[in-house]
PDB file of all heavy atoms in Angstrom:
ATOM      1  N   PRO A   1      -1.786 -13.256 -13.750  1.00  0.00           N
ATOM      2  CA  PRO A   1      -1.204 -12.087 -14.429  1.00  0.00           C
ATOM      3  C   PRO A   1      -2.292 -11.264 -15.087  1.00  0.00           C
ATOM      4  O   PRO A   1      -3.378 -11.764 -15.354  1.00  0.00           O
ATOM      5  CB  PRO A   1      -0.261 -12.736 -15.461  1.00  0.00           C
ATOM      6  CG  PRO A   1      -0.789 -14.126 -15.668  1.00  0.00           C
ATOM      7  CD  PRO A   1      -1.437 -14.525 -14.374  1.00  0.00           C
ATOM      8  N   GLY A   2      -2.037  -9.863 -15.387  1.00  0.00           N
ATOM      9  CA  GLY A   2      -0.819  -9.126 -15.205  1.00  0.00           C
ATOM     10  C   GLY A   2      -0.670  -8.407 -13.874  1.00  0.00           C
ATOM     11  O   GLY A   2      -1.446  -8.612 -12.930  1.00  0.00           O
ATOM     12  N   VAL A   3       0.305  -7.507 -13.877  1.00  0.00           N
ATOM     13  CA  VAL A   3       0.783  -6.954 -12.617  1.00  0.00           C
ATOM     14  C   VAL A   3      -0.228  -6.052 -11.922  1.00  0.00           C
ATOM     15  O   VAL A   3      -0.153  -5.872 -10.707  1.00  0.00           O
ATOM     16  CB  VAL A   3       2.110  -6.188 -12.819  1.00  0.00           C
ATOM     17  CG1 VAL A   3       3.229  -7.134 -13.174  1.00  0.00           C
ATOM     18  CG2 VAL A   3       1.981  -5.093 -13.848  1.00  0.00           C
ATOM     19  N   LEU A   4      -1.182  -5.473 -12.641  1.00  0.00           N
ATOM     20  CA  LEU A   4      -2.129  -4.536 -12.014  1.00  0.00           C
ATOM     21  C   LEU A   4      -3.525  -5.133 -11.852  1.00  0.00           C
ATOM     22  O   LEU A   4      -4.485  -4.414 -11.574  1.00  0.00           O
ATOM     23  CB  LEU A   4      -2.218  -3.238 -12.832  1.00  0.00           C
ATOM     24  CG  LEU A   4      -0.906  -2.458 -12.984  1.00  0.00           C
ATOM     25  CD1 LEU A   4      -1.173  -1.146 -13.701  1.00  0.00           C
ATOM     26  CD2 LEU A   4      -0.266  -2.201 -11.627  1.00  0.00           C
ATOM     27  N   ARG A   5      -3.635  -6.447 -11.939  1.00  0.00           N
ATOM     28  CA  ARG A   5      -4.968  -7.058 -11.860  1.00  0.00           C
ATOM     29  C   ARG A   5      -5.444  -7.260 -10.425  1.00  0.00           C
ATOM     30  O   ARG A   5      -6.634  -7.344 -10.160  1.00  0.00           O
ATOM     31  CB  ARG A   5      -4.955  -8.427 -12.568  1.00  0.00           C
ATOM     32  CG  ARG A   5      -5.157  -8.359 -14.059  1.00  0.00           C
ATOM     33  CD  ARG A   5      -5.216  -9.751 -14.653  1.00  0.00           C
ATOM     34  NE  ARG A   5      -6.344 -10.544 -14.157  1.00  0.00           N
ATOM     35  CZ  ARG A   5      -6.549 -11.825 -14.474  1.00  0.00           C
ATOM     36  NH1 ARG A   5      -5.697 -12.445 -15.278  1.00  0.00           N
ATOM     37  NH2 ARG A   5      -7.581 -12.460 -13.996  1.00  0.00           N
ATOM     38  N   ASN A   6      -4.508  -7.391  -9.481  1.00  0.00           N
ATOM     39  CA  ASN A   6      -4.898  -7.826  -8.141  1.00  0.00           C
ATOM     40  C   ASN A   6      -3.828  -7.422  -7.131  1.00  0.00           C
ATOM     41  O   ASN A   6      -2.836  -6.796  -7.477  1.00  0.00           O
ATOM     42  CB  ASN A   6      -5.076  -9.355  -8.140  1.00  0.00           C
ATOM     43  CG  ASN A   6      -3.988 -10.050  -8.947  1.00  0.00           C
ATOM     44  OD1 ASN A   6      -2.808  -9.845  -8.704  1.00  0.00           O
ATOM     45  ND2 ASN A   6      -4.386 -10.832  -9.935  1.00  0.00           N
ATOM     46  N   GLY A   7      -4.061  -7.790  -5.871  1.00  0.00           N
ATOM     47  CA  GLY A   7      -3.025  -7.563  -4.866  1.00  0.00           C
ATOM     48  C   GLY A   7      -3.431  -6.681  -3.714  1.00  0.00           C
ATOM     49  O   GLY A   7      -2.620  -6.403  -2.838  1.00  0.00           O
ATOM     50  N   GLY A   8      -4.691  -6.188  -3.672  1.00  0.00           N
ATOM     51  CA  GLY A   8      -5.084  -5.322  -2.567  1.00  0.00           C
ATOM     52  C   GLY A   8      -4.225  -4.068  -2.531  1.00  0.00           C
ATOM     53  O   GLY A   8      -4.123  -3.335  -3.512  1.00  0.00           O
ATOM     54  N   ILE A   9      -3.546  -3.841  -1.408  1.00  0.00           N
ATOM     55  CA  ILE A   9      -2.669  -2.682  -1.283  1.00  0.00           C
ATOM     56  C   ILE A   9      -1.575  -2.704  -2.339  1.00  0.00           C
ATOM     57  O   ILE A   9      -1.155  -1.661  -2.847  1.00  0.00           O
ATOM     58  CB  ILE A   9      -2.062  -2.607   0.135  1.00  0.00           C
ATOM     59  CG1 ILE A   9      -1.237  -1.318   0.300  1.00  0.00           C
ATOM     60  CG2 ILE A   9      -1.211  -3.825   0.439  1.00  0.00           C
ATOM     61  CD1 ILE A   9      -0.713  -1.120   1.720  1.00  0.00           C
ATOM     62  N   TRP A  10      -1.126  -3.923  -2.719  1.00  0.00           N
ATOM     63  CA  TRP A  10      -0.037  -4.023  -3.694  1.00  0.00           C
ATOM     64  C   TRP A  10      -0.470  -3.544  -5.076  1.00  0.00           C
ATOM     65  O   TRP A  10       0.357  -3.072  -5.860  1.00  0.00           O
ATOM     66  CB  TRP A  10       0.484  -5.458  -3.765  1.00  0.00           C
ATOM     67  CG  TRP A  10       1.311  -5.818  -2.582  1.00  0.00           C
ATOM     68  CD1 TRP A  10       0.970  -6.641  -1.549  1.00  0.00           C
ATOM     69  CD2 TRP A  10       2.624  -5.329  -2.279  1.00  0.00           C
ATOM     70  NE1 TRP A  10       1.980  -6.698  -0.635  1.00  0.00           N
ATOM     71  CE2 TRP A  10       3.022  -5.914  -1.057  1.00  0.00           C
ATOM     72  CE3 TRP A  10       3.508  -4.476  -2.933  1.00  0.00           C
ATOM     73  CZ2 TRP A  10       4.249  -5.648  -0.472  1.00  0.00           C
ATOM     74  CZ3 TRP A  10       4.740  -4.211  -2.351  1.00  0.00           C
ATOM     75  CH2 TRP A  10       5.100  -4.800  -1.142  1.00  0.00           C
ATOM     76  N   LYS A  11      -1.741  -3.662  -5.386  1.00  0.00           N
ATOM     77  CA  LYS A  11      -2.205  -3.218  -6.714  1.00  0.00           C
ATOM     78  C   LYS A  11      -1.955  -1.728  -6.901  1.00  0.00           C
ATOM     79  O   LYS A  11      -1.400  -1.292  -7.918  1.00  0.00           O
ATOM     80  CB  LYS A  11      -3.697  -3.530  -6.863  1.00  0.00           C
ATOM     81  CG  LYS A  11      -4.263  -3.128  -8.219  1.00  0.00           C
ATOM     82  CD  LYS A  11      -5.722  -3.531  -8.339  1.00  0.00           C
ATOM     83  CE  LYS A  11      -6.289  -3.131  -9.692  1.00  0.00           C
ATOM     84  NZ  LYS A  11      -7.718  -3.551  -9.835  1.00  0.00           N
ATOM     85  N   SER A  12      -2.329  -0.921  -5.895  1.00  0.00           N
ATOM     86  CA  SER A  12      -2.126   0.525  -6.026  1.00  0.00           C
ATOM     87  C   SER A  12      -0.648   0.892  -5.894  1.00  0.00           C
ATOM     88  O   SER A  12      -0.186   1.855  -6.510  1.00  0.00           O
ATOM     89  CB  SER A  12      -2.968   1.278  -4.989  1.00  0.00           C
ATOM     90  OG  SER A  12      -2.777   0.765  -3.695  1.00  0.00           O
ATOM     91  N   ILE A  13       0.107   0.121  -5.109  1.00  0.00           N
ATOM     92  CA  ILE A  13       1.550   0.372  -5.008  1.00  0.00           C
ATOM     93  C   ILE A  13       2.217   0.127  -6.363  1.00  0.00           C
ATOM     94  O   ILE A  13       3.024   0.934  -6.845  1.00  0.00           O
ATOM     95  CB  ILE A  13       2.182  -0.519  -3.914  1.00  0.00           C
ATOM     96  CG1 ILE A  13       1.746  -0.044  -2.534  1.00  0.00           C
ATOM     97  CG2 ILE A  13       3.712  -0.503  -4.024  1.00  0.00           C
ATOM     98  CD1 ILE A  13       2.158  -0.976  -1.410  1.00  0.00           C
ATOM     99  N   LYS A  14       1.889  -1.004  -6.969  1.00  0.00           N
ATOM    100  CA  LYS A  14       2.490  -1.325  -8.272  1.00  0.00           C
ATOM    101  C   LYS A  14       2.118  -0.275  -9.319  1.00  0.00           C
ATOM    102  O   LYS A  14       2.964   0.131 -10.120  1.00  0.00           O
ATOM    103  CB  LYS A  14       2.047  -2.723  -8.715  1.00  0.00           C
ATOM    104  CG  LYS A  14       2.662  -3.845  -7.899  1.00  0.00           C
ATOM    105  CD  LYS A  14       2.237  -5.227  -8.382  1.00  0.00           C
ATOM    106  CE  LYS A  14       0.828  -5.570  -8.007  1.00  0.00           C
ATOM    107  NZ  LYS A  14       0.476  -6.969  -8.333  1.00  0.00           N
ATOM    108  N   ARG A  15       0.875   0.156  -9.288  1.00  0.00           N
ATOM    109  CA  ARG A  15       0.434   1.176 -10.251  1.00  0.00           C
ATOM    110  C   ARG A  15       1.225   2.470 -10.056  1.00  0.00           C
ATOM    111  O   ARG A  15       1.695   3.088 -11.022  1.00  0.00           O
ATOM    112  CB  ARG A  15      -1.055   1.430 -10.076  1.00  0.00           C
ATOM    113  CG  ARG A  15      -1.635   2.409 -11.093  1.00  0.00           C
ATOM    114  CD  ARG A  15      -3.148   2.420 -11.054  1.00  0.00           C
ATOM    115  NE  ARG A  15      -3.645   2.721  -9.716  1.00  0.00           N
ATOM    116  CZ  ARG A  15      -4.471   1.925  -9.027  1.00  0.00           C
ATOM    117  NH1 ARG A  15      -4.886   0.782  -9.556  1.00  0.00           N
ATOM    118  NH2 ARG A  15      -4.879   2.267  -7.814  1.00  0.00           N
ATOM    119  N   GLY A  16       1.416   2.882  -8.801  1.00  0.00           N
ATOM    120  CA  GLY A  16       2.157   4.110  -8.520  1.00  0.00           C
ATOM    121  C   GLY A  16       3.618   4.019  -8.919  1.00  0.00           C
ATOM    122  O   GLY A  16       4.204   4.985  -9.423  1.00  0.00           O
ATOM    123  N   ILE A  17       4.222   2.854  -8.712  1.00  0.00           N
ATOM    124  CA  ILE A  17       5.645   2.681  -9.057  1.00  0.00           C
ATOM    125  C   ILE A  17       5.841   2.610 -10.572  1.00  0.00           C
ATOM    126  O   ILE A  17       6.745   3.235 -11.129  1.00  0.00           O
ATOM    127  CB  ILE A  17       6.199   1.411  -8.374  1.00  0.00           C
ATOM    128  CG1 ILE A  17       6.365   1.666  -6.869  1.00  0.00           C
ATOM    129  CG2 ILE A  17       7.530   0.986  -8.997  1.00  0.00           C
ATOM    130  CD1 ILE A  17       6.769   0.439  -6.085  1.00  0.00           C
ATOM    131  N   ILE A  18       4.981   1.857 -11.250  1.00  0.00           N
ATOM    132  CA  ILE A  18       5.156   1.630 -12.686  1.00  0.00           C
ATOM    133  C   ILE A  18       4.778   2.850 -13.523  1.00  0.00           C
ATOM    134  O   ILE A  18       5.458   3.198 -14.488  1.00  0.00           O
ATOM    135  CB  ILE A  18       4.332   0.401 -13.133  1.00  0.00           C
ATOM    136  CG1 ILE A  18       4.907  -0.874 -12.493  1.00  0.00           C
ATOM    137  CG2 ILE A  18       4.305   0.268 -14.655  1.00  0.00           C
ATOM    138  CD1 ILE A  18       4.051  -2.108 -12.692  1.00  0.00           C
ATOM    139  N   ARG A  19       3.716   3.541 -13.114  1.00  0.00           N
ATOM    140  CA  ARG A  19       3.205   4.628 -13.953  1.00  0.00           C
ATOM    141  C   ARG A  19       3.664   6.010 -13.508  1.00  0.00           C
ATOM    142  O   ARG A  19       3.650   6.942 -14.315  1.00  0.00           O
ATOM    143  CB  ARG A  19       1.680   4.576 -13.971  1.00  0.00           C
ATOM    144  CG  ARG A  19       1.141   3.337 -14.676  1.00  0.00           C
ATOM    145  CD  ARG A  19      -0.370   3.338 -14.718  1.00  0.00           C
ATOM    146  NE  ARG A  19      -0.895   2.194 -15.457  1.00  0.00           N
ATOM    147  CZ  ARG A  19      -2.186   1.883 -15.529  1.00  0.00           C
ATOM    148  NH1 ARG A  19      -3.086   2.638 -14.899  1.00  0.00           N
ATOM    149  NH2 ARG A  19      -2.587   0.830 -16.205  1.00  0.00           N
ATOM    150  N   GLU A  20       4.056   6.150 -12.239  1.00  0.00           N
ATOM    151  CA  GLU A  20       4.405   7.480 -11.752  1.00  0.00           C
ATOM    152  C   GLU A  20       5.847   7.582 -11.258  1.00  0.00           C
ATOM    153  O   GLU A  20       6.624   8.365 -11.784  1.00  0.00           O
ATOM    154  CB  GLU A  20       3.427   7.885 -10.640  1.00  0.00           C
ATOM    155  CG  GLU A  20       1.982   7.990 -11.129  1.00  0.00           C
ATOM    156  CD  GLU A  20       1.026   8.299 -10.004  1.00  0.00           C
ATOM    157  OE1 GLU A  20       1.004   9.454  -9.533  1.00  0.00           O
ATOM    158  OE2 GLU A  20       0.305   7.380  -9.579  1.00  0.00           O
ATOM    159  N   LEU A  21       6.215   6.814 -10.256  1.00  0.00           N
ATOM    160  CA  LEU A  21       7.572   6.929  -9.708  1.00  0.00           C
ATOM    161  C   LEU A  21       8.636   6.403 -10.662  1.00  0.00           C
ATOM    162  O   LEU A  21       9.748   6.922 -10.727  1.00  0.00           O
ATOM    163  CB  LEU A  21       7.656   6.175  -8.374  1.00  0.00           C
ATOM    164  CG  LEU A  21       6.869   6.785  -7.204  1.00  0.00           C
ATOM    165  CD1 LEU A  21       6.985   5.896  -5.972  1.00  0.00           C
ATOM    166  CD2 LEU A  21       7.366   8.193  -6.891  1.00  0.00           C
ATOM    167  N   LYS A  22       8.310   5.339 -11.372  1.00  0.00           N
ATOM    168  CA  LYS A  22       9.241   4.729 -12.346  1.00  0.00           C
ATOM    169  C   LYS A  22      10.612   4.507 -11.701  1.00  0.00           C
ATOM    170  O   LYS A  22      11.645   4.960 -12.207  1.00  0.00           O
ATOM    171  CB  LYS A  22       9.372   5.604 -13.595  1.00  0.00           C
ATOM    172  CG  LYS A  22       8.048   5.817 -14.308  1.00  0.00           C
ATOM    173  CD  LYS A  22       8.173   6.832 -15.438  1.00  0.00           C
ATOM    174  CE  LYS A  22       6.809   7.183 -16.000  1.00  0.00           C
ATOM    175  NZ  LYS A  22       6.858   8.296 -16.966  1.00  0.00           N
ATOM    176  N   LEU A  23      10.600   3.806 -10.592  1.00  0.00           N
ATOM    177  CA  LEU A  23      11.827   3.580  -9.832  1.00  0.00           C
ATOM    178  C   LEU A  23      12.865   2.848 -10.669  1.00  0.00           C
ATOM    179  O   LEU A  23      12.539   1.865 -11.340  1.00  0.00           O
ATOM    180  CB  LEU A  23      11.516   2.767  -8.574  1.00  0.00           C
ATOM    181  CG  LEU A  23      10.507   3.382  -7.608  1.00  0.00           C
ATOM    182  CD1 LEU A  23      10.274   2.443  -6.432  1.00  0.00           C
ATOM    183  CD2 LEU A  23      10.997   4.731  -7.112  1.00  0.00           C
ATOM    184  N   PRO A  24      14.127   3.268 -10.599  1.00  0.00           N
ATOM    185  CA  PRO A  24      15.159   2.606 -11.408  1.00  0.00           C
ATOM    186  C   PRO A  24      15.515   1.213 -10.922  1.00  0.00           C
ATOM    187  O   PRO A  24      16.041   0.411 -11.674  1.00  0.00           O
ATOM    188  CB  PRO A  24      16.357   3.558 -11.285  1.00  0.00           C
ATOM    189  CG  PRO A  24      16.128   4.286  -9.995  1.00  0.00           C
ATOM    190  CD  PRO A  24      14.643   4.438  -9.867  1.00  0.00           C
ATOM    191  N   ALA A  25      15.239   0.911  -9.642  1.00  0.00           N
ATOM    192  CA  ALA A  25      15.649  -0.376  -9.081  1.00  0.00           C
ATOM    193  C   ALA A  25      14.556  -0.906  -8.163  1.00  0.00           C
ATOM    194  O   ALA A  25      13.957  -0.161  -7.385  1.00  0.00           O
ATOM    195  CB  ALA A  25      16.956  -0.225  -8.312  1.00  0.00           C
ATOM    196  N   ILE A  26      14.307  -2.210  -8.239  1.00  0.00           N
ATOM    197  CA  ILE A  26      13.260  -2.863  -7.445  1.00  0.00           C
ATOM    198  C   ILE A  26      13.775  -4.216  -6.963  1.00  0.00           C
ATOM    199  O   ILE A  26      14.460  -4.929  -7.694  1.00  0.00           O
ATOM    200  CB  ILE A  26      11.983  -3.073  -8.281  1.00  0.00           C
ATOM    201  CG1 ILE A  26      11.301  -1.739  -8.599  1.00  0.00           C
ATOM    202  CG2 ILE A  26      10.988  -3.978  -7.561  1.00  0.00           C
ATOM    203  CD1 ILE A  26      10.144  -1.875  -9.563  1.00  0.00           C
ATOM    204  N   MET A  27      13.422  -4.567  -5.727  1.00  0.00           N
ATOM    205  CA  MET A  27      13.682  -5.910  -5.217  1.00  0.00           C
ATOM    206  C   MET A  27      12.366  -6.686  -5.254  1.00  0.00           C
ATOM    207  O   MET A  27      11.317  -6.168  -4.850  1.00  0.00           O
ATOM    208  CB  MET A  27      14.181  -5.833  -3.771  1.00  0.00           C
ATOM    209  CG  MET A  27      14.066  -7.135  -2.963  1.00  0.00           C
ATOM    210  SD  MET A  27      15.311  -8.383  -3.370  1.00  0.00           S
ATOM    211  CE  MET A  27      16.769  -7.669  -2.582  1.00  0.00           C
ATOM    212  N   THR A  28      12.404  -7.932  -5.740  1.00  0.00           N
ATOM    213  CA  THR A  28      11.249  -8.804  -5.593  1.00  0.00           C
ATOM    214  C   THR A  28      11.692 -10.044  -4.847  1.00  0.00           C
ATOM    215  O   THR A  28      12.724 -10.638  -5.159  1.00  0.00           O
ATOM    216  CB  THR A  28      10.613  -9.164  -6.951  1.00  0.00           C
ATOM    217  OG1 THR A  28       9.350  -9.803  -6.726  1.00  0.00           O
ATOM    218  CG2 THR A  28      11.501 -10.062  -7.787  1.00  0.00           C
ATOM    219  N   GLN A  29      10.944 -10.387  -3.820  1.00  0.00           N
ATOM    220  CA  GLN A  29      11.265 -11.591  -3.054  1.00  0.00           C
ATOM    221  C   GLN A  29      10.863 -12.783  -3.905  1.00  0.00           C
ATOM    222  O   GLN A  29       9.706 -12.906  -4.308  1.00  0.00           O
ATOM    223  CB  GLN A  29      10.544 -11.571  -1.712  1.00  0.00           C
ATOM    224  CG  GLN A  29      11.046 -10.442  -0.811  1.00  0.00           C
ATOM    225  CD  GLN A  29      10.188 -10.218   0.416  1.00  0.00           C
ATOM    226  OE1 GLN A  29       8.975 -10.385   0.374  1.00  0.00           O
ATOM    227  NE2 GLN A  29      10.815  -9.827   1.507  1.00  0.00           N
ATOM    228  N   VAL A  30      11.800 -13.655  -4.157  1.00  0.00           N
ATOM    229  CA  VAL A  30      11.625 -14.658  -5.199  1.00  0.00           C
ATOM    230  C   VAL A  30      10.445 -15.602  -4.921  1.00  0.00           C
ATOM    231  O   VAL A  30       9.843 -16.139  -5.857  1.00  0.00           O
ATOM    232  CB  VAL A  30      12.948 -15.450  -5.380  1.00  0.00           C
ATOM    233  CG1 VAL A  30      13.194 -16.391  -4.217  1.00  0.00           C
ATOM    234  CG2 VAL A  30      12.978 -16.206  -6.694  1.00  0.00           C
TER     235      VAL A  30
END
């Protein structure tokens, strides 16, 4: 942890969703 520390392509995706798109709903595969 945390969510923006790593992930390759996922790091920039998470940053874009959390800081810019602010999507109201998200699915996470458990």
